[in-house]
Amino acid sequence: MFKLLQTFRVVYETRNFSQSAEILFLSQPSVSHQIKQLETELKVELFQRKGRQEMIATKQAELLYQRVLNLMDDWQQTIDALAKESSQRVRCRVVASHTFAVYCLPELMKELFEKFPNVAFEIDMANSHEALEKVAKHEADIGFIEKPLTTEGILRHPILKDQLVLVGDPSASPWLVREKTSGVYHYTKRFFEEENISQPAIEIKSNEVITAMLKKGIGRSILSKRAVPEGVFYQLLSESYQRHFYFIERNHLTSPEINQVTQALLAFYEKENETNITGDKKFSF
């Protein structure tokens, strides 16, 4: 049954038997057979097929998907508990959006590593939408995002303020713009509309590439003040260009160790909720 549920999870997320087969290293007929077998055992229809490609998840599939994610978490907790008994460290997967990952996470991880020596932290970086999706799909345990996004099964907590600034020569071209799903794109788009800007722009999916180009005197961009390269000119934008960083977690019970990490983070940010927007304060538990 567990194997069938693992196959179901992949099919639910891809909505495509061919893609699922590639991911699972199975043949497409095998994937289809396993889903049929699961539907037979559960006595429900999980997917409605429309044509050769389109698949629509039923309400029963939506319910089962959330239960499967929780079940796999429970199984991982069992593995972690066994690992703990054998003196292995418990795993905590962290995903963070680009700005937070580069300019806030290192100092934070230093504190977490010292406070939780028995936790093996794994760090991933993604834009805000991708980070939320990873936590929602239980591919990460906790996350940090730059947009007020939410989805079923996720708890979101505002933790830090972040000031956006205009970086680079005000007359320079082209504009260096993050992709549409990034946290700062919304503010860049609004700035363009307010200032009636229609100059050429280059879409770049990395803050580090943007800052490297700015240091070479190429173009201009809207970035977090935290990300401004040393020696590069910038202008503060109005208070309407302040945003929040958010901490996200699942509402399903995770391991005691990860819960301790979560509680320590929330307690810290509740105590330090007046952290200044330049990010000059040091993290301390």
Protein backbone atom coordinates (compact mmCIF):
# COMPACT_ATOMS: atom_id res chain seq x y z
CA MET A 1 0.00 0.00 0.00
CA PHE A 2 2.80 2.41 0.88
CA LYS A 3 4.28 1.98 -2.61
CA LEU A 4 0.88 2.76 -4.15
CA LEU A 5 0.57 5.90 -2.05
CA GLN A 6 4.04 7.05 -3.12
CA THR A 7 3.02 6.60 -6.76
CA PHE A 8 -0.24 8.44 -6.12
CA ARG A 9 1.64 11.40 -4.66
CA VAL A 10 3.76 11.80 -7.78
CA VAL A 11 0.78 11.43 -10.11
CA TYR A 12 -1.22 13.95 -8.11
CA GLU A 13 1.60 16.49 -8.31
CA THR A 14 2.34 16.02 -12.01
CA ARG A 15 -1.18 15.17 -13.25
CA ASN A 16 0.58 13.21 -15.97
CA PHE A 17 1.28 9.47 -16.17
CA SER A 18 4.22 9.88 -18.54
CA GLN A 19 6.01 12.41 -16.30
CA SER A 20 5.24 10.32 -13.25
CA ALA A 21 6.72 7.25 -14.91
CA GLU A 22 9.95 9.14 -15.63
CA ILE A 23 10.20 10.37 -12.05
CA LEU A 24 9.49 6.93 -10.57
CA PHE A 25 11.61 5.00 -13.10
CA LEU A 26 8.58 2.92 -14.06
CA SER A 27 6.74 2.27 -17.29
CA GLN A 28 3.63 4.33 -17.94
CA PRO A 29 1.36 1.23 -17.87
CA SER A 30 2.82 0.32 -14.44
CA VAL A 31 1.96 3.76 -13.05
CA SER A 32 -1.55 3.56 -14.50
CA HIS A 33 -2.00 0.07 -13.07
CA GLN A 34 -0.90 1.16 -9.59
CA ILE A 35 -3.37 4.04 -9.56
CA LYS A 36 -6.14 1.71 -10.71
CA GLN A 37 -5.13 -0.73 -7.96
CA LEU A 38 -5.25 2.02 -5.34
CA GLU A 39 -8.67 3.18 -6.55
CA THR A 40 -9.92 -0.40 -6.32
CA GLU A 41 -8.58 -0.89 -2.80
CA LEU A 42 -9.97 2.44 -1.56
CA LYS A 43 -13.21 2.08 -3.56
CA VAL A 44 -13.01 5.65 -4.84
CA GLU A 45 -12.18 7.42 -8.09
CA LEU A 46 -9.04 9.51 -7.69
CA PHE A 47 -8.62 10.98 -11.17
CA GLN A 48 -10.97 11.77 -14.02
CA ARG A 49 -9.32 11.28 -17.38
CA LYS A 50 -10.14 13.72 -20.18
CA GLY A 51 -8.41 12.80 -23.38
CA ARG A 52 -4.94 11.30 -23.50
CA GLN A 53 -3.18 13.90 -21.35
CA GLU A 54 -5.58 15.86 -19.15
CA MET A 55 -6.23 14.54 -15.64
CA ILE A 56 -8.48 16.12 -13.02
CA ALA A 57 -8.09 15.20 -9.35
CA THR A 58 -11.32 14.36 -7.54
CA LYS A 59 -12.18 15.69 -4.07
CA GLN A 60 -11.24 12.27 -2.71
CA ALA A 61 -7.79 12.64 -4.30
CA GLU A 62 -7.35 16.09 -2.76
CA LEU A 63 -8.17 14.68 0.68
CA LEU A 64 -5.95 11.66 0.18
CA TYR A 65 -3.03 13.81 -0.98
CA GLN A 66 -2.97 15.80 2.27
CA ARG A 67 -3.25 12.59 4.31
CA VAL A 68 -0.46 10.97 2.29
CA LEU A 69 1.86 13.92 2.94
CA ASN A 70 1.13 13.68 6.66
CA LEU A 71 1.58 9.91 6.60
CA MET A 72 4.98 10.26 4.97
CA ASP A 73 5.93 12.86 7.57
CA ASP A 74 4.95 10.43 10.32
CA TRP A 75 7.08 7.75 8.66
CA GLN A 76 10.01 10.17 8.46
CA GLN A 77 9.58 10.92 12.16
CA THR A 78 9.88 7.19 12.83
CA ILE A 79 13.08 7.06 10.78
CA ASP A 80 14.42 10.12 12.62
CA ALA A 81 13.55 8.57 16.00
CA LEU A 82 15.45 5.43 15.07
CA ALA A 83 18.36 7.54 13.86
CA LYS A 84 18.35 9.45 17.13
CA GLU A 85 18.54 6.19 19.08
CA SER A 86 21.58 5.25 16.99
CA SER A 87 23.18 8.66 17.71
CA GLN A 88 22.50 10.05 14.22
CA ARG A 89 21.30 13.63 13.87
CA VAL A 90 17.68 14.46 12.96
CA ARG A 91 17.26 16.14 9.58
CA CYS A 92 15.68 19.61 9.18
CA ARG A 93 15.22 20.83 5.60
CA VAL A 94 15.20 24.62 5.25
CA VAL A 95 14.22 26.47 2.07
CA ALA A 96 14.62 30.24 1.77
CA SER A 97 13.90 32.84 -0.87
CA HIS A 98 16.93 34.41 -2.51
CA THR A 99 17.35 37.66 -0.55
CA PHE A 100 16.68 36.07 2.82
CA ALA A 101 18.93 33.10 2.02
CA VAL A 102 21.94 35.24 1.14
CA TYR A 103 21.64 38.19 3.52
CA CYS A 104 19.76 36.91 6.60
CA LEU A 105 20.05 33.13 6.76
CA PRO A 106 23.83 32.75 7.35
CA GLU A 107 23.80 34.56 10.69
CA LEU A 108 20.61 32.81 11.68
CA MET A 109 22.00 29.39 10.78
CA LYS A 110 25.08 30.08 12.88
CA GLU A 111 22.84 30.51 15.92
CA LEU A 112 20.64 27.51 15.06
CA PHE A 113 23.64 25.24 14.49
CA GLU A 114 25.05 26.17 17.89
CA LYS A 115 21.70 25.79 19.68
CA PHE A 116 20.67 22.53 18.01
CA PRO A 117 23.81 20.41 17.54
CA ASN A 118 21.75 17.23 17.11
CA VAL A 119 19.87 18.60 14.10
CA ALA A 120 21.32 18.09 10.61
CA PHE A 121 20.24 21.17 8.67
CA GLU A 122 19.86 21.05 4.88
CA ILE A 123 19.47 24.37 3.05
CA ASP A 124 17.83 25.02 -0.30
CA MET A 125 17.22 28.32 -2.10
CA ALA A 126 14.20 29.13 -4.31
CA ASN A 127 11.92 32.02 -5.15
CA SER A 128 8.98 32.61 -2.82
CA HIS A 129 6.43 30.60 -4.83
CA GLU A 130 8.77 27.64 -5.15
CA ALA A 131 9.71 27.79 -1.46
CA LEU A 132 6.05 27.75 -0.43
CA GLU A 133 5.39 24.82 -2.75
CA LYS A 134 8.32 22.84 -1.31
CA VAL A 135 7.03 23.27 2.25
CA ALA A 136 3.44 22.51 1.18
CA LYS A 137 4.59 19.34 -0.60
CA HIS A 138 6.67 18.32 2.45
CA GLU A 139 9.87 18.62 0.43
CA ALA A 140 11.10 21.08 3.06
CA ASP A 141 10.28 21.34 6.75
CA ILE A 142 10.41 25.11 7.25
CA GLY A 143 10.90 28.08 4.94
CA PHE A 144 11.38 31.80 4.53
CA ILE A 145 9.62 33.79 1.80
CA GLU A 146 9.40 37.41 0.65
CA LYS A 147 5.73 37.54 -0.37
CA PRO A 148 2.51 37.09 1.70
CA LEU A 149 1.71 33.77 0.05
CA THR A 150 -0.28 31.00 1.64
CA THR A 151 -1.83 27.67 0.80
CA GLU A 152 -3.63 24.83 2.52
CA GLY A 153 -1.74 23.30 5.41
CA ILE A 154 0.72 26.19 5.80
CA LEU A 155 1.12 28.63 8.69
CA ARG A 156 2.73 32.00 7.83
CA HIS A 157 4.37 34.39 10.30
CA PRO A 158 5.74 37.88 9.47
CA ILE A 159 9.23 38.14 10.95
CA LEU A 160 11.34 40.95 9.48
CA LYS A 161 10.84 44.20 7.62
CA ASP A 162 12.85 44.83 4.48
CA GLN A 163 13.43 48.16 2.72
CA LEU A 164 13.65 48.20 -1.07
CA VAL A 165 15.92 50.72 -2.81
CA LEU A 166 16.72 51.90 -6.32
CA VAL A 167 20.28 50.77 -7.09
CA GLY A 168 22.65 52.02 -9.80
CA ASP A 169 23.03 55.10 -11.94
CA PRO A 170 19.54 56.70 -12.25
CA SER A 171 20.12 57.20 -15.98
CA ALA A 172 21.64 53.80 -16.69
CA SER A 173 20.06 51.23 -18.97
CA PRO A 174 18.91 48.47 -19.10
CA TRP A 175 16.80 47.68 -16.06
CA LEU A 176 17.80 44.45 -14.30
CA VAL A 177 14.58 42.74 -13.23
CA ARG A 178 13.88 39.54 -11.29
CA GLU A 179 11.46 36.94 -12.67
CA LYS A 180 7.71 37.39 -12.18
CA THR A 181 7.47 34.86 -9.36
CA SER A 182 10.17 36.54 -7.25
CA GLY A 183 9.34 38.56 -4.16
CA VAL A 184 10.64 41.88 -5.51
CA TYR A 185 9.04 41.72 -8.97
CA HIS A 186 5.67 43.04 -7.73
CA TYR A 187 7.35 46.19 -6.41
CA THR A 188 9.43 46.64 -9.56
CA LYS A 189 6.29 46.39 -11.72
CA ARG A 190 4.51 48.94 -9.51
CA PHE A 191 7.49 51.31 -9.69
CA PHE A 192 7.50 51.07 -13.49
CA GLU A 193 3.79 51.91 -13.58
CA GLU A 194 4.12 54.82 -11.15
CA GLU A 195 7.09 56.30 -13.03
CA ASN A 196 5.74 55.44 -16.51
CA ILE A 197 8.91 53.49 -17.32
CA SER A 198 9.09 51.52 -20.55
CA GLN A 199 12.86 51.21 -21.00
CA PRO A 200 14.53 47.90 -21.97
CA ALA A 201 14.79 45.31 -19.20
CA ILE A 202 16.70 42.07 -18.70
CA GLU A 203 15.04 39.34 -16.65
CA ILE A 204 17.56 37.73 -14.29
CA LYS A 205 16.70 34.88 -11.91
CA SER A 206 19.46 35.63 -9.42
CA ASN A 207 20.18 38.51 -7.06
CA GLU A 208 23.85 37.62 -7.18
CA VAL A 209 24.02 38.09 -10.95
CA ILE A 210 22.18 41.41 -10.68
CA THR A 211 24.53 42.74 -8.00
CA ALA A 212 27.58 41.56 -9.97
CA MET A 213 26.34 43.49 -13.01
CA LEU A 214 25.61 46.57 -10.91
CA LYS A 215 29.16 46.48 -9.54
CA LYS A 216 30.36 46.57 -13.15
CA GLY A 217 28.25 49.68 -13.74
CA ILE A 218 25.69 47.83 -15.86
CA GLY A 219 22.07 48.98 -15.59
CA ARG A 220 19.97 49.65 -12.51
CA SER A 221 17.56 47.65 -10.40
CA ILE A 222 15.25 47.60 -7.40
CA LEU A 223 16.68 45.45 -4.63
CA SER A 224 16.59 44.92 -0.91
CA LYS A 225 18.81 47.43 0.87
CA ARG A 226 20.54 44.40 2.36
CA ALA A 227 21.66 43.35 -1.12
CA VAL A 228 23.25 46.64 -2.27
CA PRO A 229 26.91 46.02 -3.24
CA GLU A 230 29.46 48.10 -1.36
CA GLY A 231 30.30 51.29 -3.20
CA VAL A 232 27.29 51.17 -5.53
CA PHE A 233 24.97 54.20 -5.52
CA TYR A 234 21.40 53.69 -4.28
CA GLN A 235 18.34 55.75 -3.38
CA LEU A 236 15.81 54.94 -0.66
CA LEU A 237 12.28 54.41 -1.89
CA SER A 238 9.15 55.41 0.04
CA GLU A 239 7.73 53.47 2.98
CA SER A 240 5.29 51.83 0.56
CA TYR A 241 8.34 49.92 -0.70
CA GLN A 242 8.88 48.23 2.64
CA ARG A 243 7.90 44.58 2.74
CA HIS A 244 8.03 41.65 5.14
CA PHE A 245 9.97 38.46 5.19
CA TYR A 246 7.80 35.57 6.34
CA PHE A 247 8.54 32.34 8.16
CA ILE A 248 6.40 29.41 6.98
CA GLU A 249 5.76 26.01 8.54
CA ARG A 250 3.31 23.17 8.10
CA ASN A 251 0.41 22.84 10.52
CA HIS A 252 0.92 19.06 10.64
CA LEU A 253 2.97 17.90 13.59
CA THR A 254 6.62 17.38 12.68
CA SER A 255 9.41 15.89 14.76
CA PRO A 256 9.98 17.25 18.28
CA GLU A 257 13.39 18.57 17.24
CA ILE A 258 11.97 20.56 14.30
CA ASN A 259 9.19 21.85 16.53
CA GLN A 260 11.86 23.08 18.93
CA VAL A 261 13.62 24.86 16.05
CA THR A 262 10.31 26.44 15.00
CA GLN A 263 9.44 27.59 18.52
CA ALA A 264 12.91 29.07 19.00
CA LEU A 265 12.58 31.03 15.76
CA LEU A 266 9.12 32.36 16.58
CA ALA A 267 10.12 33.28 20.13
CA PHE A 268 13.14 35.13 18.79
CA TYR A 269 11.20 37.12 16.21
CA GLU A 270 8.41 37.90 18.67
CA LYS A 271 11.01 39.32 21.03
CA GLU A 272 12.84 41.14 18.26
CA ASN A 273 9.84 42.40 16.28
CA GLU A 274 11.26 45.90 16.31
CA THR A 275 14.34 44.86 14.35
CA ASN A 276 15.39 47.81 12.20
CA ILE A 277 14.87 47.55 8.43
CA THR A 278 18.58 47.69 7.58
CA GLY A 279 19.11 44.30 9.17
CA ASP A 280 22.01 45.55 11.31
CA LYS A 281 20.95 43.68 14.44
CA LYS A 282 22.61 40.36 15.06
CA PHE A 283 20.55 37.22 15.55
CA SER A 284 20.64 35.92 19.10
CA PHE A 285 18.48 33.36 20.86
